[in-house]
PDB file of N, CA and C in Angstrom:
ATOM      1  N   MET A   1      -3.747  17.810 -14.140  1.00  0.00           N
ATOM      2  CA  MET A   1      -4.772  16.828 -13.844  1.00  0.00           C
ATOM      3  C   MET A   1      -4.715  15.683 -14.842  1.00  0.00           C
ATOM      4  N   ARG A   2      -4.513  16.021 -16.112  1.00  0.00           N
ATOM      5  CA  ARG A   2      -4.439  14.971 -17.132  1.00  0.00           C
ATOM      6  C   ARG A   2      -3.262  14.034 -16.885  1.00  0.00           C
ATOM      7  N   SER A   3      -2.145  14.605 -16.414  1.00  0.00           N
ATOM      8  CA  SER A   3      -0.972  13.760 -16.174  1.00  0.00           C
ATOM      9  C   SER A   3      -1.217  12.779 -15.033  1.00  0.00           C
ATOM     10  N   ILE A   4      -1.966  13.190 -14.015  1.00  0.00           N
ATOM     11  CA  ILE A   4      -2.281  12.288 -12.906  1.00  0.00           C
ATOM     12  C   ILE A   4      -3.192  11.174 -13.396  1.00  0.00           C
ATOM     13  N   ILE A   5      -4.193  11.530 -14.198  1.00  0.00           N
ATOM     14  CA  ILE A   5      -5.105  10.519 -14.735  1.00  0.00           C
ATOM     15  C   ILE A   5      -4.346   9.577 -15.653  1.00  0.00           C
ATOM     16  N   GLY A   6      -3.464  10.122 -16.475  1.00  0.00           N
ATOM     17  CA  GLY A   6      -2.655   9.294 -17.356  1.00  0.00           C
ATOM     18  C   GLY A   6      -1.757   8.343 -16.580  1.00  0.00           C
ATOM     19  N   LEU A   7      -1.161   8.846 -15.509  1.00  0.00           N
ATOM     20  CA  LEU A   7      -0.318   8.017 -14.658  1.00  0.00           C
ATOM     21  C   LEU A   7      -1.132   6.896 -14.030  1.00  0.00           C
ATOM     22  N   ALA A   8      -2.296   7.232 -13.505  1.00  0.00           N
ATOM     23  CA  ALA A   8      -3.157   6.223 -12.882  1.00  0.00           C
ATOM     24  C   ALA A   8      -3.564   5.155 -13.888  1.00  0.00           C
ATOM     25  N   LEU A   9      -3.919   5.565 -15.089  1.00  0.00           N
ATOM     26  CA  LEU A   9      -4.301   4.593 -16.122  1.00  0.00           C
ATOM     27  C   LEU A   9      -3.120   3.721 -16.526  1.00  0.00           C
ATOM     28  N   SER A  10      -1.931   4.301 -16.588  1.00  0.00           N
ATOM     29  CA  SER A  10      -0.731   3.523 -16.915  1.00  0.00           C
ATOM     30  C   SER A  10      -0.448   2.476 -15.842  1.00  0.00           C
ATOM     31  N   ILE A  11      -0.587   2.878 -14.585  1.00  0.00           N
ATOM     32  CA  ILE A  11      -0.364   1.947 -13.474  1.00  0.00           C
ATOM     33  C   ILE A  11      -1.368   0.805 -13.541  1.00  0.00           C
ATOM     34  N   LEU A  12      -2.622   1.136 -13.791  1.00  0.00           N
ATOM     35  CA  LEU A  12      -3.647   0.098 -13.888  1.00  0.00           C
ATOM     36  C   LEU A  12      -3.383  -0.847 -15.044  1.00  0.00           C
ATOM     37  N   ALA A  13      -2.920  -0.326 -16.170  1.00  0.00           N
ATOM     38  CA  ALA A  13      -2.632  -1.171 -17.325  1.00  0.00           C
ATOM     39  C   ALA A  13      -1.497  -2.141 -17.025  1.00  0.00           C
ATOM     40  N   VAL A  14      -0.431  -1.635 -16.405  1.00  0.00           N
ATOM     41  CA  VAL A  14       0.704  -2.497 -16.050  1.00  0.00           C
ATOM     42  C   VAL A  14       0.283  -3.510 -15.003  1.00  0.00           C
ATOM     43  N   ALA A  15      -0.447  -3.068 -13.994  1.00  0.00           N
ATOM     44  CA  ALA A  15      -0.863  -3.963 -12.919  1.00  0.00           C
ATOM     45  C   ALA A  15      -1.792  -5.054 -13.432  1.00  0.00           C
ATOM     46  N   SER A  16      -2.681  -4.711 -14.352  1.00  0.00           N
ATOM     47  CA  SER A  16      -3.622  -5.717 -14.839  1.00  0.00           C
ATOM     48  C   SER A  16      -2.943  -6.743 -15.736  1.00  0.00           C
ATOM     49  N   ALA A  17      -1.822  -6.386 -16.343  1.00  0.00           N
ATOM     50  CA  ALA A  17      -1.104  -7.333 -17.188  1.00  0.00           C
ATOM     51  C   ALA A  17      -0.594  -8.515 -16.377  1.00  0.00           C
ATOM     52  N   ASN A  18      -0.246  -8.287 -15.122  1.00  0.00           N
ATOM     53  CA  ASN A  18       0.253  -9.336 -14.243  1.00  0.00           C
ATOM     54  C   ASN A  18      -0.652  -9.491 -13.031  1.00  0.00           C
ATOM     55  N   ALA A  19      -1.943  -9.358 -13.243  1.00  0.00           N
ATOM     56  CA  ALA A  19      -2.889  -9.316 -12.129  1.00  0.00           C
ATOM     57  C   ALA A  19      -2.940 -10.634 -11.375  1.00  0.00           C
ATOM     58  N   GLN A  20      -3.027 -10.498 -10.071  1.00  0.00           N
ATOM     59  CA  GLN A  20      -3.287 -11.634  -9.201  1.00  0.00           C
ATOM     60  C   GLN A  20      -4.043 -11.098  -8.003  1.00  0.00           C
ATOM     61  N   THR A  21      -4.811 -11.949  -7.388  1.00  0.00           N
ATOM     62  CA  THR A  21      -5.602 -11.541  -6.236  1.00  0.00           C
ATOM     63  C   THR A  21      -4.811 -11.805  -4.970  1.00  0.00           C
ATOM     64  N   ILE A  22      -4.751 -10.799  -4.114  1.00  0.00           N
ATOM     65  CA  ILE A  22      -4.060 -10.929  -2.838  1.00  0.00           C
ATOM     66  C   ILE A  22      -5.074 -10.705  -1.732  1.00  0.00           C
ATOM     67  N   ASP A  23      -5.200 -11.667  -0.851  1.00  0.00           N
ATOM     68  CA  ASP A  23      -6.089 -11.541   0.301  1.00  0.00           C
ATOM     69  C   ASP A  23      -5.258 -11.021   1.463  1.00  0.00           C
ATOM     70  N   PHE A  24      -5.308  -9.711   1.695  1.00  0.00           N
ATOM     71  CA  PHE A  24      -4.481  -9.102   2.724  1.00  0.00           C
ATOM     72  C   PHE A  24      -4.852  -9.566   4.131  1.00  0.00           C
ATOM     73  N   ARG A  25      -5.999 -10.206   4.285  1.00  0.00           N
ATOM     74  CA  ARG A  25      -6.368 -10.727   5.606  1.00  0.00           C
ATOM     75  C   ARG A  25      -5.463 -11.871   6.031  1.00  0.00           C
ATOM     76  N   THR A  26      -4.805 -12.520   5.071  1.00  0.00           N
ATOM     77  CA  THR A  26      -3.961 -13.671   5.386  1.00  0.00           C
ATOM     78  C   THR A  26      -2.462 -13.377   5.270  1.00  0.00           C
ATOM     79  N   VAL A  27      -2.105 -12.175   4.881  1.00  0.00           N
ATOM     80  CA  VAL A  27      -0.704 -11.818   4.652  1.00  0.00           C
ATOM     81  C   VAL A  27      -0.032 -11.413   5.957  1.00  0.00           C
ATOM     82  N   LYS A  28       1.156 -11.921   6.178  1.00  0.00           N
ATOM     83  CA  LYS A  28       1.974 -11.571   7.341  1.00  0.00           C
ATOM     84  C   LYS A  28       2.976 -10.481   6.949  1.00  0.00           C
ATOM     85  N   CYS A  29       3.426  -9.754   7.931  1.00  0.00           N
ATOM     86  CA  CYS A  29       4.411  -8.694   7.698  1.00  0.00           C
ATOM     87  C   CYS A  29       5.682  -9.224   7.033  1.00  0.00           C
ATOM     88  N   GLN A  30       6.049 -10.423   7.361  1.00  0.00           N
ATOM     89  CA  GLN A  30       7.246 -11.020   6.775  1.00  0.00           C
ATOM     90  C   GLN A  30       7.162 -11.003   5.251  1.00  0.00           C
ATOM     91  N   GLU A  31       5.980 -11.313   4.714  1.00  0.00           N
ATOM     92  CA  GLU A  31       5.783 -11.318   3.265  1.00  0.00           C
ATOM     93  C   GLU A  31       5.840  -9.906   2.691  1.00  0.00           C
ATOM     94  N   ILE A  32       5.270  -8.938   3.419  1.00  0.00           N
ATOM     95  CA  ILE A  32       5.276  -7.553   2.959  1.00  0.00           C
ATOM     96  C   ILE A  32       6.697  -6.995   2.978  1.00  0.00           C
ATOM     97  N   ALA A  33       7.451  -7.282   4.031  1.00  0.00           N
ATOM     98  CA  ALA A  33       8.819  -6.778   4.150  1.00  0.00           C
ATOM     99  C   ALA A  33       9.724  -7.320   3.053  1.00  0.00           C
ATOM    100  N   ALA A  34       9.396  -8.482   2.512  1.00  0.00           N
ATOM    101  CA  ALA A  34      10.217  -9.098   1.471  1.00  0.00           C
ATOM    102  C   ALA A  34       9.940  -8.535   0.071  1.00  0.00           C
ATOM    103  N   LEU A  35       8.892  -7.736  -0.064  1.00  0.00           N
ATOM    104  CA  LEU A  35       8.542  -7.183  -1.370  1.00  0.00           C
ATOM    105  C   LEU A  35       9.549  -6.125  -1.807  1.00  0.00           C
ATOM    106  N   PRO A  36       9.765  -5.999  -3.121  1.00  0.00           N
ATOM    107  CA  PRO A  36      10.596  -4.895  -3.602  1.00  0.00           C
ATOM    108  C   PRO A  36       9.878  -3.564  -3.379  1.00  0.00           C
ATOM    109  N   MET A  37      10.620  -2.481  -3.319  1.00  0.00           N
ATOM    110  CA  MET A  37      10.033  -1.166  -3.022  1.00  0.00           C
ATOM    111  C   MET A  37       8.952  -0.776  -4.021  1.00  0.00           C
ATOM    112  N   GLU A  38       9.077  -1.166  -5.286  1.00  0.00           N
ATOM    113  CA  GLU A  38       8.050  -0.827  -6.270  1.00  0.00           C
ATOM    114  C   GLU A  38       6.714  -1.458  -5.878  1.00  0.00           C
ATOM    115  N   ALA A  39       6.745  -2.685  -5.410  1.00  0.00           N
ATOM    116  CA  ALA A  39       5.518  -3.355  -4.976  1.00  0.00           C
ATOM    117  C   ALA A  39       4.985  -2.717  -3.701  1.00  0.00           C
ATOM    118  N   LEU A  40       5.888  -2.315  -2.805  1.00  0.00           N
ATOM    119  CA  LEU A  40       5.459  -1.648  -1.575  1.00  0.00           C
ATOM    120  C   LEU A  40       4.799  -0.302  -1.863  1.00  0.00           C
ATOM    121  N   ASP A  41       5.241   0.364  -2.919  1.00  0.00           N
ATOM    122  CA  ASP A  41       4.578   1.606  -3.318  1.00  0.00           C
ATOM    123  C   ASP A  41       3.125   1.336  -3.694  1.00  0.00           C
ATOM    124  N   PHE A  42       2.876   0.249  -4.428  1.00  0.00           N
ATOM    125  CA  PHE A  42       1.506  -0.116  -4.783  1.00  0.00           C
ATOM    126  C   PHE A  42       0.696  -0.466  -3.539  1.00  0.00           C
ATOM    127  N   VAL A  43       1.309  -1.204  -2.611  1.00  0.00           N
ATOM    128  CA  VAL A  43       0.629  -1.551  -1.363  1.00  0.00           C
ATOM    129  C   VAL A  43       0.279  -0.286  -0.596  1.00  0.00           C
ATOM    130  N   SER A  44       1.187   0.666  -0.586  1.00  0.00           N
ATOM    131  CA  SER A  44       0.953   1.939   0.100  1.00  0.00           C
ATOM    132  C   SER A  44      -0.242   2.684  -0.500  1.00  0.00           C
ATOM    133  N   VAL A  45      -0.324   2.710  -1.819  1.00  0.00           N
ATOM    134  CA  VAL A  45      -1.449   3.367  -2.484  1.00  0.00           C
ATOM    135  C   VAL A  45      -2.746   2.615  -2.179  1.00  0.00           C
ATOM    136  N   TRP A  46      -2.692   1.284  -2.199  1.00  0.00           N
ATOM    137  CA  TRP A  46      -3.878   0.488  -1.865  1.00  0.00           C
ATOM    138  C   TRP A  46      -4.329   0.794  -0.441  1.00  0.00           C
ATOM    139  N   LEU A  47      -3.384   0.860   0.480  1.00  0.00           N
ATOM    140  CA  LEU A  47      -3.723   1.170   1.876  1.00  0.00           C
ATOM    141  C   LEU A  47      -4.367   2.544   2.006  1.00  0.00           C
ATOM    142  N   ASP A  48      -3.898   3.487   1.218  1.00  0.00           N
ATOM    143  CA  ASP A  48      -4.477   4.826   1.247  1.00  0.00           C
ATOM    144  C   ASP A  48      -5.964   4.763   0.908  1.00  0.00           C
ATOM    145  N   GLY A  49      -6.304   3.985  -0.095  1.00  0.00           N
ATOM    146  CA  GLY A  49      -7.710   3.820  -0.466  1.00  0.00           C
ATOM    147  C   GLY A  49      -8.468   2.975   0.530  1.00  0.00           C
ATOM    148  N   PHE A  50      -7.836   1.919   1.014  1.00  0.00           N
ATOM    149  CA  PHE A  50      -8.477   1.003   1.965  1.00  0.00           C
ATOM    150  C   PHE A  50      -8.838   1.719   3.258  1.00  0.00           C
ATOM    151  N   SER A  51      -7.961   2.603   3.703  1.00  0.00           N
ATOM    152  CA  SER A  51      -8.177   3.262   4.983  1.00  0.00           C
ATOM    153  C   SER A  51      -8.899   4.601   4.862  1.00  0.00           C
ATOM    154  N   ALA A  52      -9.214   5.015   3.640  1.00  0.00           N
ATOM    155  CA  ALA A  52      -9.905   6.294   3.457  1.00  0.00           C
ATOM    156  C   ALA A  52     -11.312   6.213   4.028  1.00  0.00           C
ATOM    157  N   ASP A  53     -11.710   7.279   4.673  1.00  0.00           N
ATOM    158  CA  ASP A  53     -13.083   7.319   5.164  1.00  0.00           C
ATOM    159  C   ASP A  53     -13.946   8.044   4.132  1.00  0.00           C
ATOM    160  N   GLU A  54     -15.193   8.189   4.439  1.00  0.00           N
ATOM    161  CA  GLU A  54     -16.132   8.803   3.505  1.00  0.00           C
ATOM    162  C   GLU A  54     -15.698  10.195   3.059  1.00  0.00           C
ATOM    163  N   GLU A  55     -15.098  10.959   3.951  1.00  0.00           N
ATOM    164  CA  GLU A  55     -14.684  12.324   3.608  1.00  0.00           C
ATOM    165  C   GLU A  55     -13.534  12.337   2.613  1.00  0.00           C
ATOM    166  N   ASP A  56     -12.711  11.286   2.615  1.00  0.00           N
ATOM    167  CA  ASP A  56     -11.560  11.211   1.709  1.00  0.00           C
ATOM    168  C   ASP A  56     -11.859  10.432   0.438  1.00  0.00           C
ATOM    169  N   ALA A  57     -13.077   9.956   0.279  1.00  0.00           N
ATOM    170  CA  ALA A  57     -13.404   9.030  -0.805  1.00  0.00           C
ATOM    171  C   ALA A  57     -13.138   9.598  -2.191  1.00  0.00           C
ATOM    172  N   GLU A  58     -13.202  10.894  -2.352  1.00  0.00           N
ATOM    173  CA  GLU A  58     -13.018  11.489  -3.675  1.00  0.00           C
ATOM    174  C   GLU A  58     -11.574  11.839  -3.977  1.00  0.00           C
ATOM    175  N   SER A  59     -10.676  11.622  -3.047  1.00  0.00           N
ATOM    176  CA  SER A  59      -9.287  12.008  -3.275  1.00  0.00           C
ATOM    177  C   SER A  59      -8.395  10.771  -3.361  1.00  0.00           C
ATOM    178  N   MET A  60      -7.228  10.978  -3.966  1.00  0.00           N
ATOM    179  CA  MET A  60      -6.253   9.901  -4.098  1.00  0.00           C
ATOM    180  C   MET A  60      -4.875  10.489  -3.863  1.00  0.00           C
ATOM    181  N   LYS A  61      -4.027   9.740  -3.197  1.00  0.00           N
ATOM    182  CA  LYS A  61      -2.662  10.190  -2.967  1.00  0.00           C
ATOM    183  C   LYS A  61      -1.939  10.308  -4.308  1.00  0.00           C
ATOM    184  N   ALA A  62      -1.370  11.452  -4.591  1.00  0.00           N
ATOM    185  CA  ALA A  62      -0.658  11.663  -5.849  1.00  0.00           C
ATOM    186  C   ALA A  62       0.855  11.649  -5.656  1.00  0.00           C
ATOM    187  N   ASP A  63       1.323  11.581  -4.415  1.00  0.00           N
ATOM    188  CA  ASP A  63       2.746  11.572  -4.118  1.00  0.00           C
ATOM    189  C   ASP A  63       3.182  10.139  -3.870  1.00  0.00           C
ATOM    190  N   PHE A  64       3.908   9.578  -4.819  1.00  0.00           N
ATOM    191  CA  PHE A  64       4.368   8.195  -4.696  1.00  0.00           C
ATOM    192  C   PHE A  64       5.837   8.159  -4.303  1.00  0.00           C
ATOM    193  N   SER A  65       6.222   9.009  -3.360  1.00  0.00           N
ATOM    194  CA  SER A  65       7.620   9.173  -2.995  1.00  0.00           C
ATOM    195  C   SER A  65       8.202   7.997  -2.221  1.00  0.00           C
ATOM    196  N   GLY A  66       7.369   7.114  -1.721  1.00  0.00           N
ATOM    197  CA  GLY A  66       7.877   5.953  -1.015  1.00  0.00           C
ATOM    198  C   GLY A  66       7.944   6.110   0.491  1.00  0.00           C
ATOM    199  N   THR A  67       7.575   7.271   1.021  1.00  0.00           N
ATOM    200  CA  THR A  67       7.650   7.481   2.466  1.00  0.00           C
ATOM    201  C   THR A  67       6.814   6.452   3.206  1.00  0.00           C
ATOM    202  N   ASP A  68       5.566   6.272   2.806  1.00  0.00           N
ATOM    203  CA  ASP A  68       4.711   5.275   3.446  1.00  0.00           C
ATOM    204  C   ASP A  68       5.275   3.874   3.246  1.00  0.00           C
ATOM    205  N   ALA A  69       5.783   3.610   2.065  1.00  0.00           N
ATOM    206  CA  ALA A  69       6.356   2.292   1.786  1.00  0.00           C
ATOM    207  C   ALA A  69       7.551   2.021   2.698  1.00  0.00           C
ATOM    208  N   ASP A  70       8.369   3.030   2.935  1.00  0.00           N
ATOM    209  CA  ASP A  70       9.517   2.880   3.837  1.00  0.00           C
ATOM    210  C   ASP A  70       9.055   2.570   5.261  1.00  0.00           C
ATOM    211  N   GLU A  71       8.010   3.278   5.699  1.00  0.00           N
ATOM    212  CA  GLU A  71       7.468   3.039   7.044  1.00  0.00           C
ATOM    213  C   GLU A  71       6.883   1.634   7.165  1.00  0.00           C
ATOM    214  N   ILE A  72       6.165   1.212   6.145  1.00  0.00           N
ATOM    215  CA  ILE A  72       5.575  -0.131   6.142  1.00  0.00           C
ATOM    216  C   ILE A  72       6.673  -1.184   6.215  1.00  0.00           C
ATOM    217  N   LYS A  73       7.685  -1.033   5.381  1.00  0.00           N
ATOM    218  CA  LYS A  73       8.783  -2.009   5.356  1.00  0.00           C
ATOM    219  C   LYS A  73       9.488  -2.069   6.708  1.00  0.00           C
ATOM    220  N   ALA A  74       9.795  -0.906   7.284  1.00  0.00           N
ATOM    221  CA  ALA A  74      10.491  -0.863   8.571  1.00  0.00           C
ATOM    222  C   ALA A  74       9.664  -1.527   9.666  1.00  0.00           C
ATOM    223  N   TYR A  75       8.380  -1.205   9.722  1.00  0.00           N
ATOM    224  CA  TYR A  75       7.519  -1.787  10.757  1.00  0.00           C
ATOM    225  C   TYR A  75       7.418  -3.300  10.573  1.00  0.00           C
ATOM    226  N   CYS A  76       7.221  -3.729   9.339  1.00  0.00           N
ATOM    227  CA  CYS A  76       7.070  -5.160   9.089  1.00  0.00           C
ATOM    228  C   CYS A  76       8.361  -5.939   9.321  1.00  0.00           C
ATOM    229  N   GLN A  77       9.502  -5.316   9.103  1.00  0.00           N
ATOM    230  CA  GLN A  77      10.766  -5.988   9.408  1.00  0.00           C
ATOM    231  C   GLN A  77      10.921  -6.196  10.907  1.00  0.00           C
ATOM    232  N   GLN A  78      10.385  -5.274  11.700  1.00  0.00           N
ATOM    233  CA  GLN A  78      10.471  -5.384  13.156  1.00  0.00           C
ATOM    234  C   GLN A  78       9.407  -6.324  13.730  1.00  0.00           C
ATOM    235  N   HIS A  79       8.337  -6.576  12.980  1.00  0.00           N
ATOM    236  CA  HIS A  79       7.216  -7.396  13.444  1.00  0.00           C
ATOM    237  C   HIS A  79       6.839  -8.429  12.381  1.00  0.00           C
ATOM    238  N   PRO A  80       7.754  -9.326  12.005  1.00  0.00           N
ATOM    239  CA  PRO A  80       7.514 -10.225  10.875  1.00  0.00           C
ATOM    240  C   PRO A  80       6.339 -11.196  11.054  1.00  0.00           C
ATOM    241  N   ASP A  81       6.006 -11.566  12.275  1.00  0.00           N
ATOM    242  CA  ASP A  81       4.930 -12.538  12.493  1.00  0.00           C
ATOM    243  C   ASP A  81       3.555 -11.892  12.652  1.00  0.00           C
ATOM    244  N   THR A  82       3.495 -10.565  12.606  1.00  0.00           N
ATOM    245  CA  THR A  82       2.235  -9.851  12.768  1.00  0.00           C
ATOM    246  C   THR A  82       1.449  -9.897  11.461  1.00  0.00           C
ATOM    247  N   ALA A  83       0.139 -10.101  11.571  1.00  0.00           N
ATOM    248  CA  ALA A  83      -0.718 -10.017  10.395  1.00  0.00           C
ATOM    249  C   ALA A  83      -0.622  -8.607   9.829  1.00  0.00           C
ATOM    250  N   PHE A  84      -0.541  -8.488   8.514  1.00  0.00           N
ATOM    251  CA  PHE A  84      -0.303  -7.193   7.893  1.00  0.00           C
ATOM    252  C   PHE A  84      -1.376  -6.165   8.256  1.00  0.00           C
ATOM    253  N   LEU A  85      -2.651  -6.529   8.185  1.00  0.00           N
ATOM    254  CA  LEU A  85      -3.697  -5.558   8.501  1.00  0.00           C
ATOM    255  C   LEU A  85      -3.667  -5.155   9.971  1.00  0.00           C
ATOM    256  N   LYS A  86      -3.252  -6.062  10.848  1.00  0.00           N
ATOM    257  CA  LYS A  86      -3.064  -5.715  12.264  1.00  0.00           C
ATOM    258  C   LYS A  86      -1.905  -4.722  12.395  1.00  0.00           C
ATOM    259  N   ALA A  87      -0.861  -4.928  11.640  1.00  0.00           N
ATOM    260  CA  ALA A  87       0.278  -4.012  11.651  1.00  0.00           C
ATOM    261  C   ALA A  87      -0.140  -2.620  11.187  1.00  0.00           C
ATOM    262  N   VAL A  88      -1.007  -2.571  10.189  1.00  0.00           N
ATOM    263  CA  VAL A  88      -1.490  -1.282   9.702  1.00  0.00           C
ATOM    264  C   VAL A  88      -2.249  -0.556  10.812  1.00  0.00           C
ATOM    265  N   GLU A  89      -3.077  -1.288  11.541  1.00  0.00           N
ATOM    266  CA  GLU A  89      -3.808  -0.699  12.670  1.00  0.00           C
ATOM    267  C   GLU A  89      -2.826  -0.161  13.715  1.00  0.00           C
ATOM    268  N   GLU A  90      -1.808  -0.943  14.022  1.00  0.00           N
ATOM    269  CA  GLU A  90      -0.825  -0.526  15.016  1.00  0.00           C
ATOM    270  C   GLU A  90      -0.037   0.700  14.541  1.00  0.00           C
ATOM    271  N   MET A  91       0.314   0.752  13.266  1.00  0.00           N
ATOM    272  CA  MET A  91       1.030   1.910  12.737  1.00  0.00           C
ATOM    273  C   MET A  91       0.157   3.158  12.831  1.00  0.00           C
ATOM    274  N   ASP A  92      -1.126   3.011  12.567  1.00  0.00           N
ATOM    275  CA  ASP A  92      -2.047   4.152  12.673  1.00  0.00           C
ATOM    276  C   ASP A  92      -2.141   4.656  14.109  1.00  0.00           C
ATOM    277  N   LYS A  93      -2.119   3.754  15.076  1.00  0.00           N
ATOM    278  CA  LYS A  93      -2.173   4.145  16.492  1.00  0.00           C
ATOM    279  C   LYS A  93      -0.938   4.935  16.893  1.00  0.00           C
ATOM    280  N   GLU A  94       0.204   4.603  16.303  1.00  0.00           N
ATOM    281  CA  GLU A  94       1.464   5.260  16.648  1.00  0.00           C
ATOM    282  C   GLU A  94       1.581   6.655  16.068  1.00  0.00           C
ATOM    283  N   LYS A  95       0.781   6.983  15.062  1.00  0.00           N
ATOM    284  CA  LYS A  95       0.865   8.304  14.418  1.00  0.00           C
ATOM    285  C   LYS A  95       0.199   9.358  15.236  1.00  0.00           C
TER     286      LYS A  95
END
């Protein structure tokens, strides 16, 4: 448990050093597909929290294996003009 908390704090420290605000309502898939995999991993973790419902509110994904990031990249490469949050909705429908 301590290692997960330590990892989360390390990620937050690194992320805050280069912090910028991203309004995902305006982001297109083309922009997401162009991100390096490390950035897509962060987007994947953000999506996990963004899409969590009340029952999942106390949990956090601890597996950063990139599976979700790979799916996001593949979908966005196939749909570059789609708004990113719309793409997320469509990916959820396909599951």
